[in-house]
Amino acid sequence: MRRAAKERGVTYPIAIDNDRAIWSGFGHHYWPALYFIDAAGRVRDHHFGEGNYEESEMSIRQLLAAAGTGVGIDRESVSVEAHGPEVSAEWGSLKSPETYVGISRCVSDRHCQNAHVVPS
């Protein structure tokens, strides 16, 4: 995690949820999942999946402004050029054998043979 954060220039704290307590606490089933939380600790918005970076940034800017901490932030949005796993799926032409319903519902052995099951 430290190496990946350094390679990407991430200097802010990163929550690590090895025991899936946060994942379970939110009761979500999506990855990646972004939750936008206000200064009072309330979830104000969310986004599931890759992409929508501009909308995510706008949510963050609005929350910072509402909290009175948006001073000194550039007014211009950041342009994100996604690469690799950061790129949104092209749902109209997606021909992936992956299953998004969980290993227990996988019906084709050809599609499930490389599935990784994390022990509970």
PDB file of N, CA and C in Angstrom:
ATOM      1  N   MET A   1       0.829  -1.171   0.000  1.00  0.00           N
ATOM      2  CA  MET A   1       0.000   0.000   0.000  1.00  0.00           C
ATOM      3  C   MET A   1       0.879   1.242   0.000  1.00  0.00           C
ATOM      4  N   ARG A   2       1.895   1.245   0.833  1.00  0.00           N
ATOM      5  CA  ARG A   2       2.782   2.419   0.905  1.00  0.00           C
ATOM      6  C   ARG A   2       3.446   2.688  -0.436  1.00  0.00           C
ATOM      7  N   ARG A   3       3.927   1.612  -1.079  1.00  0.00           N
ATOM      8  CA  ARG A   3       4.593   1.781  -2.376  1.00  0.00           C
ATOM      9  C   ARG A   3       3.632   2.323  -3.417  1.00  0.00           C
ATOM     10  N   ALA A   4       2.429   1.767  -3.476  1.00  0.00           N
ATOM     11  CA  ALA A   4       1.438   2.218  -4.463  1.00  0.00           C
ATOM     12  C   ALA A   4       1.046   3.671  -4.217  1.00  0.00           C
ATOM     13  N   ALA A   5       0.882   4.041  -2.952  1.00  0.00           N
ATOM     14  CA  ALA A   5       0.535   5.429  -2.626  1.00  0.00           C
ATOM     15  C   ALA A   5       1.656   6.362  -3.048  1.00  0.00           C
ATOM     16  N   LYS A   6       2.884   5.982  -2.777  1.00  0.00           N
ATOM     17  CA  LYS A   6       4.023   6.820  -3.150  1.00  0.00           C
ATOM     18  C   LYS A   6       4.123   6.962  -4.666  1.00  0.00           C
ATOM     19  N   GLU A   7       3.934   5.850  -5.402  1.00  0.00           N
ATOM     20  CA  GLU A   7       4.000   5.886  -6.859  1.00  0.00           C
ATOM     21  C   GLU A   7       2.947   6.813  -7.460  1.00  0.00           C
ATOM     22  N   ARG A   8       1.813   6.936  -6.783  1.00  0.00           N
ATOM     23  CA  ARG A   8       0.712   7.764  -7.286  1.00  0.00           C
ATOM     24  C   ARG A   8       0.709   9.164  -6.675  1.00  0.00           C
ATOM     25  N   GLY A   9       1.664   9.451  -5.817  1.00  0.00           N
ATOM     26  CA  GLY A   9       1.754  10.769  -5.206  1.00  0.00           C
ATOM     27  C   GLY A   9       0.686  11.034  -4.159  1.00  0.00           C
ATOM     28  N   VAL A  10       0.123   9.975  -3.575  1.00  0.00           N
ATOM     29  CA  VAL A  10      -0.908  10.122  -2.551  1.00  0.00           C
ATOM     30  C   VAL A  10      -0.225  10.405  -1.218  1.00  0.00           C
ATOM     31  N   THR A  11      -0.579  11.542  -0.612  1.00  0.00           N
ATOM     32  CA  THR A  11       0.049  11.928   0.652  1.00  0.00           C
ATOM     33  C   THR A  11      -0.949  11.973   1.805  1.00  0.00           C
ATOM     34  N   TYR A  12      -2.232  11.788   1.532  1.00  0.00           N
ATOM     35  CA  TYR A  12      -3.257  11.834   2.570  1.00  0.00           C
ATOM     36  C   TYR A  12      -3.455  10.443   3.168  1.00  0.00           C
ATOM     37  N   PRO A  13      -4.073  10.356   4.349  1.00  0.00           N
ATOM     38  CA  PRO A  13      -4.290   9.045   4.992  1.00  0.00           C
ATOM     39  C   PRO A  13      -5.173   8.136   4.137  1.00  0.00           C
ATOM     40  N   ILE A  14      -4.872   6.860   4.171  1.00  0.00           N
ATOM     41  CA  ILE A  14      -5.634   5.850   3.439  1.00  0.00           C
ATOM     42  C   ILE A  14      -6.196   4.856   4.449  1.00  0.00           C
ATOM     43  N   ALA A  15      -7.508   4.658   4.414  1.00  0.00           N
ATOM     44  CA  ALA A  15      -8.135   3.676   5.309  1.00  0.00           C
ATOM     45  C   ALA A  15      -7.896   2.278   4.752  1.00  0.00           C
ATOM     46  N   ILE A  16      -7.411   1.394   5.587  1.00  0.00           N
ATOM     47  CA  ILE A  16      -7.191   0.006   5.183  1.00  0.00           C
ATOM     48  C   ILE A  16      -8.161  -0.855   5.981  1.00  0.00           C
ATOM     49  N   ASP A  17      -8.926  -1.662   5.264  1.00  0.00           N
ATOM     50  CA  ASP A  17     -10.033  -2.408   5.870  1.00  0.00           C
ATOM     51  C   ASP A  17      -9.833  -3.911   5.709  1.00  0.00           C
ATOM     52  N   ASN A  18      -8.707  -4.422   6.212  1.00  0.00           N
ATOM     53  CA  ASN A  18      -8.378  -5.838   6.035  1.00  0.00           C
ATOM     54  C   ASN A  18      -9.433  -6.785   6.586  1.00  0.00           C
ATOM     55  N   ASP A  19     -10.107  -6.390   7.653  1.00  0.00           N
ATOM     56  CA  ASP A  19     -11.124  -7.253   8.253  1.00  0.00           C
ATOM     57  C   ASP A  19     -12.522  -6.991   7.695  1.00  0.00           C
ATOM     58  N   ARG A  20     -12.614  -6.095   6.711  1.00  0.00           N
ATOM     59  CA  ARG A  20     -13.858  -5.739   6.034  1.00  0.00           C
ATOM     60  C   ARG A  20     -14.908  -5.150   6.981  1.00  0.00           C
ATOM     61  N   ALA A  21     -14.483  -4.540   8.068  1.00  0.00           N
ATOM     62  CA  ALA A  21     -15.420  -3.939   9.021  1.00  0.00           C
ATOM     63  C   ALA A  21     -16.117  -2.730   8.406  1.00  0.00           C
ATOM     64  N   ILE A  22     -15.366  -1.885   7.706  1.00  0.00           N
ATOM     65  CA  ILE A  22     -15.967  -0.713   7.059  1.00  0.00           C
ATOM     66  C   ILE A  22     -16.877  -1.175   5.927  1.00  0.00           C
ATOM     67  N   TRP A  23     -16.381  -2.093   5.118  1.00  0.00           N
ATOM     68  CA  TRP A  23     -17.148  -2.658   4.001  1.00  0.00           C
ATOM     69  C   TRP A  23     -18.490  -3.189   4.515  1.00  0.00           C
ATOM     70  N   SER A  24     -18.447  -3.987   5.556  1.00  0.00           N
ATOM     71  CA  SER A  24     -19.671  -4.573   6.121  1.00  0.00           C
ATOM     72  C   SER A  24     -20.548  -3.518   6.771  1.00  0.00           C
ATOM     73  N   GLY A  25     -19.919  -2.554   7.435  1.00  0.00           N
ATOM     74  CA  GLY A  25     -20.671  -1.493   8.097  1.00  0.00           C
ATOM     75  C   GLY A  25     -21.531  -0.684   7.139  1.00  0.00           C
ATOM     76  N   PHE A  26     -21.020  -0.452   5.938  1.00  0.00           N
ATOM     77  CA  PHE A  26     -21.796   0.266   4.928  1.00  0.00           C
ATOM     78  C   PHE A  26     -22.755  -0.668   4.201  1.00  0.00           C
ATOM     79  N   GLY A  27     -22.565  -1.971   4.363  1.00  0.00           N
ATOM     80  CA  GLY A  27     -23.448  -2.948   3.729  1.00  0.00           C
ATOM     81  C   GLY A  27     -23.421  -2.865   2.211  1.00  0.00           C
ATOM     82  N   HIS A  28     -22.275  -2.551   1.657  1.00  0.00           N
ATOM     83  CA  HIS A  28     -22.234  -2.414   0.199  1.00  0.00           C
ATOM     84  C   HIS A  28     -21.613  -3.628  -0.469  1.00  0.00           C
ATOM     85  N   HIS A  29     -21.864  -3.713  -1.761  1.00  0.00           N
ATOM     86  CA  HIS A  29     -21.436  -4.869  -2.548  1.00  0.00           C
ATOM     87  C   HIS A  29     -20.729  -4.429  -3.818  1.00  0.00           C
ATOM     88  N   TYR A  30     -20.136  -3.241  -3.798  1.00  0.00           N
ATOM     89  CA  TYR A  30     -19.563  -2.683  -5.020  1.00  0.00           C
ATOM     90  C   TYR A  30     -18.112  -2.314  -4.804  1.00  0.00           C
ATOM     91  N   TRP A  31     -17.349  -2.381  -5.871  1.00  0.00           N
ATOM     92  CA  TRP A  31     -15.956  -1.971  -5.823  1.00  0.00           C
ATOM     93  C   TRP A  31     -15.589  -1.363  -7.148  1.00  0.00           C
ATOM     94  N   PRO A  32     -14.981  -0.216  -7.157  1.00  0.00           N
ATOM     95  CA  PRO A  32     -14.760   0.629  -5.991  1.00  0.00           C
ATOM     96  C   PRO A  32     -16.034   1.335  -5.552  1.00  0.00           C
ATOM     97  N   ALA A  33     -16.053   1.774  -4.332  1.00  0.00           N
ATOM     98  CA  ALA A  33     -17.181   2.532  -3.779  1.00  0.00           C
ATOM     99  C   ALA A  33     -16.630   3.791  -3.127  1.00  0.00           C
ATOM    100  N   LEU A  34     -17.159   4.931  -3.514  1.00  0.00           N
ATOM    101  CA  LEU A  34     -16.761   6.205  -2.916  1.00  0.00           C
ATOM    102  C   LEU A  34     -17.921   6.723  -2.093  1.00  0.00           C
ATOM    103  N   TYR A  35     -17.650   7.085  -0.858  1.00  0.00           N
ATOM    104  CA  TYR A  35     -18.655   7.692   0.010  1.00  0.00           C
ATOM    105  C   TYR A  35     -18.165   9.090   0.358  1.00  0.00           C
ATOM    106  N   PHE A  36     -19.012  10.086   0.150  1.00  0.00           N
ATOM    107  CA  PHE A  36     -18.666  11.475   0.423  1.00  0.00           C
ATOM    108  C   PHE A  36     -19.336  11.873   1.729  1.00  0.00           C
ATOM    109  N   ILE A  37     -18.521  12.148   2.720  1.00  0.00           N
ATOM    110  CA  ILE A  37     -18.991  12.363   4.084  1.00  0.00           C
ATOM    111  C   ILE A  37     -18.754  13.817   4.482  1.00  0.00           C
ATOM    112  N   ASP A  38     -19.780  14.456   5.057  1.00  0.00           N
ATOM    113  CA  ASP A  38     -19.660  15.868   5.428  1.00  0.00           C
ATOM    114  C   ASP A  38     -18.912  16.031   6.752  1.00  0.00           C
ATOM    115  N   ALA A  39     -18.719  17.286   7.146  1.00  0.00           N
ATOM    116  CA  ALA A  39     -17.946  17.594   8.357  1.00  0.00           C
ATOM    117  C   ALA A  39     -18.589  17.042   9.618  1.00  0.00           C
ATOM    118  N   ALA A  40     -19.896  16.784   9.581  1.00  0.00           N
ATOM    119  CA  ALA A  40     -20.600  16.230  10.743  1.00  0.00           C
ATOM    120  C   ALA A  40     -20.593  14.702  10.742  1.00  0.00           C
ATOM    121  N   GLY A  41     -19.972  14.093   9.713  1.00  0.00           N
ATOM    122  CA  GLY A  41     -19.883  12.641   9.658  1.00  0.00           C
ATOM    123  C   GLY A  41     -21.036  11.958   8.950  1.00  0.00           C
ATOM    124  N   ARG A  42     -21.895  12.718   8.256  1.00  0.00           N
ATOM    125  CA  ARG A  42     -23.034  12.138   7.528  1.00  0.00           C
ATOM    126  C   ARG A  42     -22.656  11.864   6.072  1.00  0.00           C
ATOM    127  N   VAL A  43     -23.068  10.718   5.551  1.00  0.00           N
ATOM    128  CA  VAL A  43     -22.841  10.397   4.150  1.00  0.00           C
ATOM    129  C   VAL A  43     -23.771  11.270   3.321  1.00  0.00           C
ATOM    130  N   ARG A  44     -23.201  12.078   2.444  1.00  0.00           N
ATOM    131  CA  ARG A  44     -23.978  13.015   1.626  1.00  0.00           C
ATOM    132  C   ARG A  44     -24.131  12.567   0.183  1.00  0.00           C
ATOM    133  N   ASP A  45     -23.238  11.708  -0.279  1.00  0.00           N
ATOM    134  CA  ASP A  45     -23.293  11.254  -1.664  1.00  0.00           C
ATOM    135  C   ASP A  45     -22.461   9.986  -1.760  1.00  0.00           C
ATOM    136  N   HIS A  46     -22.598   9.274  -2.861  1.00  0.00           N
ATOM    137  CA  HIS A  46     -21.784   8.085  -3.092  1.00  0.00           C
ATOM    138  C   HIS A  46     -21.662   7.845  -4.587  1.00  0.00           C
ATOM    139  N   HIS A  47     -20.689   7.050  -4.944  1.00  0.00           N
ATOM    140  CA  HIS A  47     -20.527   6.621  -6.336  1.00  0.00           C
ATOM    141  C   HIS A  47     -19.956   5.215  -6.314  1.00  0.00           C
ATOM    142  N   PHE A  48     -20.563   4.329  -7.079  1.00  0.00           N
ATOM    143  CA  PHE A  48     -20.090   2.953  -7.179  1.00  0.00           C
ATOM    144  C   PHE A  48     -19.497   2.724  -8.558  1.00  0.00           C
ATOM    145  N   GLY A  49     -18.331   2.117  -8.616  1.00  0.00           N
ATOM    146  CA  GLY A  49     -17.692   1.796  -9.887  1.00  0.00           C
ATOM    147  C   GLY A  49     -16.653   2.826 -10.286  1.00  0.00           C
ATOM    148  N   GLU A  50     -15.980   2.537 -11.396  1.00  0.00           N
ATOM    149  CA  GLU A  50     -14.962   3.439 -11.906  1.00  0.00           C
ATOM    150  C   GLU A  50     -15.622   4.618 -12.606  1.00  0.00           C
ATOM    151  N   GLY A  51     -14.829   5.644 -12.852  1.00  0.00           N
ATOM    152  CA  GLY A  51     -15.300   6.783 -13.637  1.00  0.00           C
ATOM    153  C   GLY A  51     -16.015   7.836 -12.818  1.00  0.00           C
ATOM    154  N   ASN A  52     -16.672   8.753 -13.530  1.00  0.00           N
ATOM    155  CA  ASN A  52     -17.383   9.890 -12.925  1.00  0.00           C
ATOM    156  C   ASN A  52     -16.467  10.709 -12.020  1.00  0.00           C
ATOM    157  N   TYR A  53     -15.221  10.857 -12.424  1.00  0.00           N
ATOM    158  CA  TYR A  53     -14.239  11.561 -11.606  1.00  0.00           C
ATOM    159  C   TYR A  53     -14.600  13.035 -11.425  1.00  0.00           C
ATOM    160  N   GLU A  54     -15.107  13.666 -12.464  1.00  0.00           N
ATOM    161  CA  GLU A  54     -15.472  15.075 -12.358  1.00  0.00           C
ATOM    162  C   GLU A  54     -16.612  15.272 -11.366  1.00  0.00           C
ATOM    163  N   GLU A  55     -17.610  14.394 -11.398  1.00  0.00           N
ATOM    164  CA  GLU A  55     -18.731  14.482 -10.466  1.00  0.00           C
ATOM    165  C   GLU A  55     -18.257  14.227  -9.032  1.00  0.00           C
ATOM    166  N   SER A  56     -17.332  13.296  -8.876  1.00  0.00           N
ATOM    167  CA  SER A  56     -16.785  13.009  -7.545  1.00  0.00           C
ATOM    168  C   SER A  56     -16.039  14.223  -7.010  1.00  0.00           C
ATOM    169  N   GLU A  57     -15.256  14.847  -7.863  1.00  0.00           N
ATOM    170  CA  GLU A  57     -14.532  16.042  -7.436  1.00  0.00           C
ATOM    171  C   GLU A  57     -15.505  17.151  -7.038  1.00  0.00           C
ATOM    172  N   MET A  58     -16.585  17.303  -7.797  1.00  0.00           N
ATOM    173  CA  MET A  58     -17.578  18.333  -7.473  1.00  0.00           C
ATOM    174  C   MET A  58     -18.212  18.060  -6.109  1.00  0.00           C
ATOM    175  N   SER A  59     -18.497  16.812  -5.802  1.00  0.00           N
ATOM    176  CA  SER A  59     -19.046  16.465  -4.483  1.00  0.00           C
ATOM    177  C   SER A  59     -18.079  16.858  -3.382  1.00  0.00           C
ATOM    178  N   ILE A  60     -16.794  16.563  -3.584  1.00  0.00           N
ATOM    179  CA  ILE A  60     -15.783  16.910  -2.585  1.00  0.00           C
ATOM    180  C   ILE A  60     -15.699  18.423  -2.416  1.00  0.00           C
ATOM    181  N   ARG A  61     -15.679  19.162  -3.531  1.00  0.00           N
ATOM    182  CA  ARG A  61     -15.604  20.627  -3.464  1.00  0.00           C
ATOM    183  C   ARG A  61     -16.803  21.216  -2.714  1.00  0.00           C
ATOM    184  N   GLN A  62     -17.990  20.684  -2.983  1.00  0.00           N
ATOM    185  CA  GLN A  62     -19.195  21.186  -2.316  1.00  0.00           C
ATOM    186  C   GLN A  62     -19.141  20.923  -0.810  1.00  0.00           C
ATOM    187  N   LEU A  63     -18.669  19.741  -0.425  1.00  0.00           N
ATOM    188  CA  LEU A  63     -18.566  19.416   1.004  1.00  0.00           C
ATOM    189  C   LEU A  63     -17.516  20.285   1.698  1.00  0.00           C
ATOM    190  N   LEU A  64     -16.402  20.523   1.026  1.00  0.00           N
ATOM    191  CA  LEU A  64     -15.375  21.393   1.603  1.00  0.00           C
ATOM    192  C   LEU A  64     -15.897  22.815   1.766  1.00  0.00           C
ATOM    193  N   ALA A  65     -16.612  23.319   0.766  1.00  0.00           N
ATOM    194  CA  ALA A  65     -17.175  24.672   0.838  1.00  0.00           C
ATOM    195  C   ALA A  65     -18.197  24.762   1.971  1.00  0.00           C
ATOM    196  N   ALA A  66     -19.058  23.753   2.097  1.00  0.00           N
ATOM    197  CA  ALA A  66     -20.078  23.751   3.148  1.00  0.00           C
ATOM    198  C   ALA A  66     -19.441  23.722   4.540  1.00  0.00           C
ATOM    199  N   ALA A  67     -18.272  23.098   4.639  1.00  0.00           N
ATOM    200  CA  ALA A  67     -17.581  23.011   5.916  1.00  0.00           C
ATOM    201  C   ALA A  67     -16.710  24.243   6.179  1.00  0.00           C
ATOM    202  N   GLY A  68     -16.637  25.134   5.180  1.00  0.00           N
ATOM    203  CA  GLY A  68     -15.818  26.336   5.322  1.00  0.00           C
ATOM    204  C   GLY A  68     -14.336  26.074   5.194  1.00  0.00           C
ATOM    205  N   THR A  69     -13.976  24.936   4.587  1.00  0.00           N
ATOM    206  CA  THR A  69     -12.559  24.604   4.446  1.00  0.00           C
ATOM    207  C   THR A  69     -12.109  24.585   2.993  1.00  0.00           C
ATOM    208  N   GLY A  70     -12.900  25.163   2.125  1.00  0.00           N
ATOM    209  CA  GLY A  70     -12.553  25.166   0.708  1.00  0.00           C
ATOM    210  C   GLY A  70     -11.637  26.305   0.311  1.00  0.00           C
ATOM    211  N   VAL A  71     -11.172  27.086   1.269  1.00  0.00           N
ATOM    212  CA  VAL A  71     -10.295  28.211   0.990  1.00  0.00           C
ATOM    213  C   VAL A  71      -8.946  27.700   0.503  1.00  0.00           C
ATOM    214  N   GLY A  72      -8.442  28.318  -0.550  1.00  0.00           N
ATOM    215  CA  GLY A  72      -7.135  27.939  -1.069  1.00  0.00           C
ATOM    216  C   GLY A  72      -7.169  26.803  -2.068  1.00  0.00           C
ATOM    217  N   ILE A  73      -8.346  26.307  -2.381  1.00  0.00           N
ATOM    218  CA  ILE A  73      -8.467  25.242  -3.378  1.00  0.00           C
ATOM    219  C   ILE A  73      -8.639  25.892  -4.743  1.00  0.00           C
ATOM    220  N   ASP A  74      -7.922  25.396  -5.738  1.00  0.00           N
ATOM    221  CA  ASP A  74      -8.050  25.926  -7.091  1.00  0.00           C
ATOM    222  C   ASP A  74      -9.500  25.881  -7.531  1.00  0.00           C
ATOM    223  N   ARG A  75      -9.921  26.930  -8.198  1.00  0.00           N
ATOM    224  CA  ARG A  75     -11.309  26.981  -8.677  1.00  0.00           C
ATOM    225  C   ARG A  75     -11.532  26.054  -9.865  1.00  0.00           C
ATOM    226  N   GLU A  76     -10.484  25.806 -10.605  1.00  0.00           N
ATOM    227  CA  GLU A  76     -10.619  24.983 -11.800  1.00  0.00           C
ATOM    228  C   GLU A  76     -10.539  23.498 -11.448  1.00  0.00           C
ATOM    229  N   SER A  77     -11.429  22.721 -12.038  1.00  0.00           N
ATOM    230  CA  SER A  77     -11.444  21.279 -11.788  1.00  0.00           C
ATOM    231  C   SER A  77     -10.200  20.620 -12.356  1.00  0.00           C
ATOM    232  N   VAL A  78      -9.844  19.534 -11.753  1.00  0.00           N
ATOM    233  CA  VAL A  78      -8.717  18.746 -12.221  1.00  0.00           C
ATOM    234  C   VAL A  78      -9.182  17.876 -13.383  1.00  0.00           C
ATOM    235  N   SER A  79      -8.369  17.763 -14.396  1.00  0.00           N
ATOM    236  CA  SER A  79      -8.681  16.886 -15.518  1.00  0.00           C
ATOM    237  C   SER A  79      -8.052  15.526 -15.242  1.00  0.00           C
ATOM    238  N   VAL A  80      -8.867  14.500 -15.246  1.00  0.00           N
ATOM    239  CA  VAL A  80      -8.380  13.154 -14.949  1.00  0.00           C
ATOM    240  C   VAL A  80      -8.285  12.355 -16.239  1.00  0.00           C
ATOM    241  N   GLU A  81      -7.101  11.834 -16.484  1.00  0.00           N
ATOM    242  CA  GLU A  81      -6.905  10.915 -17.606  1.00  0.00           C
ATOM    243  C   GLU A  81      -6.717   9.531 -17.005  1.00  0.00           C
ATOM    244  N   ALA A  82      -7.789   8.765 -17.004  1.00  0.00           N
ATOM    245  CA  ALA A  82      -7.756   7.441 -16.383  1.00  0.00           C
ATOM    246  C   ALA A  82      -6.939   6.466 -17.228  1.00  0.00           C
ATOM    247  N   HIS A  83      -6.208   5.592 -16.537  1.00  0.00           N
ATOM    248  CA  HIS A  83      -5.409   4.559 -17.188  1.00  0.00           C
ATOM    249  C   HIS A  83      -5.627   3.238 -16.467  1.00  0.00           C
ATOM    250  N   GLY A  84      -5.490   2.153 -17.187  1.00  0.00           N
ATOM    251  CA  GLY A  84      -5.577   0.825 -16.584  1.00  0.00           C
ATOM    252  C   GLY A  84      -6.869   0.606 -15.837  1.00  0.00           C
ATOM    253  N   PRO A  85      -6.781   0.170 -14.575  1.00  0.00           N
ATOM    254  CA  PRO A  85      -7.994  -0.160 -13.827  1.00  0.00           C
ATOM    255  C   PRO A  85      -8.851   1.051 -13.473  1.00  0.00           C
ATOM    256  N   GLU A  86      -8.327   2.270 -13.702  1.00  0.00           N
ATOM    257  CA  GLU A  86      -9.098   3.475 -13.397  1.00  0.00           C
ATOM    258  C   GLU A  86     -10.119   3.802 -14.480  1.00  0.00           C
ATOM    259  N   VAL A  87      -9.989   3.193 -15.650  1.00  0.00           N
ATOM    260  CA  VAL A  87     -10.861   3.494 -16.780  1.00  0.00           C
ATOM    261  C   VAL A  87     -12.229   2.856 -16.574  1.00  0.00           C
ATOM    262  N   SER A  88     -13.275   3.623 -16.848  1.00  0.00           N
ATOM    263  CA  SER A  88     -14.642   3.091 -16.741  1.00  0.00           C
ATOM    264  C   SER A  88     -14.865   2.007 -17.790  1.00  0.00           C
ATOM    265  N   ALA A  89     -15.687   1.049 -17.446  1.00  0.00           N
ATOM    266  CA  ALA A  89     -16.043   0.002 -18.403  1.00  0.00           C
ATOM    267  C   ALA A  89     -16.904   0.597 -19.507  1.00  0.00           C
ATOM    268  N   GLU A  90     -16.778   0.062 -20.706  1.00  0.00           N
ATOM    269  CA  GLU A  90     -17.655   0.447 -21.809  1.00  0.00           C
ATOM    270  C   GLU A  90     -18.760  -0.603 -21.863  1.00  0.00           C
ATOM    271  N   TRP A  91     -19.821  -0.346 -21.090  1.00  0.00           N
ATOM    272  CA  TRP A  91     -20.866  -1.342 -20.880  1.00  0.00           C
ATOM    273  C   TRP A  91     -21.535  -1.797 -22.159  1.00  0.00           C
ATOM    274  N   GLY A  92     -21.605  -0.946 -23.174  1.00  0.00           N
ATOM    275  CA  GLY A  92     -22.262  -1.310 -24.427  1.00  0.00           C
ATOM    276  C   GLY A  92     -21.528  -2.380 -25.204  1.00  0.00           C
ATOM    277  N   SER A  93     -20.214  -2.481 -25.002  1.00  0.00           N
ATOM    278  CA  SER A  93     -19.437  -3.454 -25.764  1.00  0.00           C
ATOM    279  C   SER A  93     -18.703  -4.454 -24.869  1.00  0.00           C
ATOM    280  N   LEU A  94     -19.035  -4.488 -23.589  1.00  0.00           N
ATOM    281  CA  LEU A  94     -18.362  -5.365 -22.647  1.00  0.00           C
ATOM    282  C   LEU A  94     -18.689  -6.823 -22.954  1.00  0.00           C
ATOM    283  N   LYS A  95     -17.653  -7.628 -23.130  1.00  0.00           N
ATOM    284  CA  LYS A  95     -17.841  -9.054 -23.420  1.00  0.00           C
ATOM    285  C   LYS A  95     -17.005  -9.873 -22.449  1.00  0.00           C
ATOM    286  N   SER A  96     -17.134  -9.536 -21.175  1.00  0.00           N
ATOM    287  CA  SER A  96     -16.335 -10.165 -20.140  1.00  0.00           C
ATOM    288  C   SER A  96     -17.023 -11.411 -19.596  1.00  0.00           C
ATOM    289  N   PRO A  97     -16.247 -12.460 -19.348  1.00  0.00           N
ATOM    290  CA  PRO A  97     -16.825 -13.652 -18.731  1.00  0.00           C
ATOM    291  C   PRO A  97     -16.922 -13.530 -17.214  1.00  0.00           C
ATOM    292  N   GLU A  98     -16.563 -12.383 -16.668  1.00  0.00           N
ATOM    293  CA  GLU A  98     -16.589 -12.238 -15.222  1.00  0.00           C
ATOM    294  C   GLU A  98     -18.010 -12.278 -14.689  1.00  0.00           C
ATOM    295  N   THR A  99     -18.113 -12.684 -13.460  1.00  0.00           N
ATOM    296  CA  THR A  99     -19.403 -12.682 -12.797  1.00  0.00           C
ATOM    297  C   THR A  99     -19.383 -11.634 -11.695  1.00  0.00           C
ATOM    298  N   TYR A 100     -20.437 -10.855 -11.598  1.00  0.00           N
ATOM    299  CA  TYR A 100     -20.524  -9.812 -10.594  1.00  0.00           C
ATOM    300  C   TYR A 100     -21.577 -10.151  -9.549  1.00  0.00           C
ATOM    301  N   VAL A 101     -21.998 -11.388  -9.494  1.00  0.00           N
ATOM    302  CA  VAL A 101     -23.044 -11.793  -8.553  1.00  0.00           C
ATOM    303  C   VAL A 101     -22.497 -12.697  -7.456  1.00  0.00           C
ATOM    304  N   GLY A 102     -21.208 -12.943  -7.464  1.00  0.00           N
ATOM    305  CA  GLY A 102     -20.599 -13.755  -6.417  1.00  0.00           C
ATOM    306  C   GLY A 102     -20.362 -15.187  -6.859  1.00  0.00           C
ATOM    307  N   ILE A 103     -19.372 -15.795  -6.282  1.00  0.00           N
ATOM    308  CA  ILE A 103     -18.968 -17.149  -6.644  1.00  0.00           C
ATOM    309  C   ILE A 103     -20.077 -18.163  -6.418  1.00  0.00           C
ATOM    310  N   SER A 104     -20.925 -17.928  -5.416  1.00  0.00           N
ATOM    311  CA  SER A 104     -21.977 -18.897  -5.116  1.00  0.00           C
ATOM    312  C   SER A 104     -23.030 -18.964  -6.221  1.00  0.00           C
ATOM    313  N   ARG A 105     -23.109 -17.941  -7.061  1.00  0.00           N
ATOM    314  CA  ARG A 105     -24.090 -17.933  -8.149  1.00  0.00           C
ATOM    315  C   ARG A 105     -23.465 -18.175  -9.512  1.00  0.00           C
ATOM    316  N   CYS A 106     -22.183 -18.437  -9.539  1.00  0.00           N
ATOM    317  CA  CYS A 106     -21.497 -18.658 -10.801  1.00  0.00           C
ATOM    318  C   CYS A 106     -21.942 -20.010 -11.363  1.00  0.00           C
ATOM    319  N   VAL A 107     -22.461 -20.018 -12.593  1.00  0.00           N
ATOM    320  CA  VAL A 107     -23.048 -21.237 -13.128  1.00  0.00           C
ATOM    321  C   VAL A 107     -22.187 -21.922 -14.177  1.00  0.00           C
ATOM    322  N   SER A 108     -21.200 -21.237 -14.703  1.00  0.00           N
ATOM    323  CA  SER A 108     -20.367 -21.830 -15.735  1.00  0.00           C
ATOM    324  C   SER A 108     -18.963 -22.059 -15.193  1.00  0.00           C
ATOM    325  N   ASP A 109     -18.535 -23.310 -15.137  1.00  0.00           N
ATOM    326  CA  ASP A 109     -17.211 -23.612 -14.605  1.00  0.00           C
ATOM    327  C   ASP A 109     -16.127 -22.908 -15.402  1.00  0.00           C
ATOM    328  N   ARG A 110     -16.350 -22.744 -16.709  1.00  0.00           N
ATOM    329  CA  ARG A 110     -15.366 -22.056 -17.549  1.00  0.00           C
ATOM    330  C   ARG A 110     -15.144 -20.639 -17.034  1.00  0.00           C
ATOM    331  N   HIS A 111     -16.184 -20.001 -16.537  1.00  0.00           N
ATOM    332  CA  HIS A 111     -16.079 -18.636 -16.052  1.00  0.00           C
ATOM    333  C   HIS A 111     -15.668 -18.575 -14.589  1.00  0.00           C
ATOM    334  N   CYS A 112     -15.805 -19.659 -13.852  1.00  0.00           N
ATOM    335  CA  CYS A 112     -15.554 -19.641 -12.411  1.00  0.00           C
ATOM    336  C   CYS A 112     -14.245 -20.292 -12.015  1.00  0.00           C
ATOM    337  N   GLN A 113     -13.565 -20.949 -12.946  1.00  0.00           N
ATOM    338  CA  GLN A 113     -12.397 -21.735 -12.582  1.00  0.00           C
ATOM    339  C   GLN A 113     -11.264 -20.921 -11.958  1.00  0.00           C
ATOM    340  N   ASN A 114     -11.187 -19.643 -12.298  1.00  0.00           N
ATOM    341  CA  ASN A 114     -10.114 -18.821 -11.740  1.00  0.00           C
ATOM    342  C   ASN A 114     -10.609 -17.916 -10.622  1.00  0.00           C
ATOM    343  N   ALA A 115     -11.811 -18.143 -10.144  1.00  0.00           N
ATOM    344  CA  ALA A 115     -12.365 -17.303  -9.081  1.00  0.00           C
ATOM    345  C   ALA A 115     -11.561 -17.497  -7.799  1.00  0.00           C
ATOM    346  N   HIS A 116     -11.385 -16.418  -7.094  1.00  0.00           N
ATOM    347  CA  HIS A 116     -10.646 -16.464  -5.823  1.00  0.00           C
ATOM    348  C   HIS A 116     -11.649 -16.253  -4.702  1.00  0.00           C
ATOM    349  N   VAL A 117     -11.679 -17.183  -3.775  1.00  0.00           N
ATOM    350  CA  VAL A 117     -12.587 -17.096  -2.641  1.00  0.00           C
ATOM    351  C   VAL A 117     -11.778 -16.711  -1.408  1.00  0.00           C
ATOM    352  N   VAL A 118     -12.166 -15.611  -0.778  1.00  0.00           N
ATOM    353  CA  VAL A 118     -11.506 -15.161   0.436  1.00  0.00           C
ATOM    354  C   VAL A 118     -12.175 -15.855   1.618  1.00  0.00           C
ATOM    355  N   PRO A 119     -11.400 -16.545   2.453  1.00  0.00           N
ATOM    356  CA  PRO A 119     -12.011 -17.223   3.607  1.00  0.00           C
ATOM    357  C   PRO A 119     -12.703 -16.223   4.527  1.00  0.00           C
ATOM    358  N   SER A 120     -13.853 -16.608   5.038  1.00  0.00           N
ATOM    359  CA  SER A 120     -14.576 -15.686   5.944  1.00  0.00           C
ATOM    360  C   SER A 120     -14.165 -15.906   7.369  1.00  0.00           C
TER     361      SER A 120
END
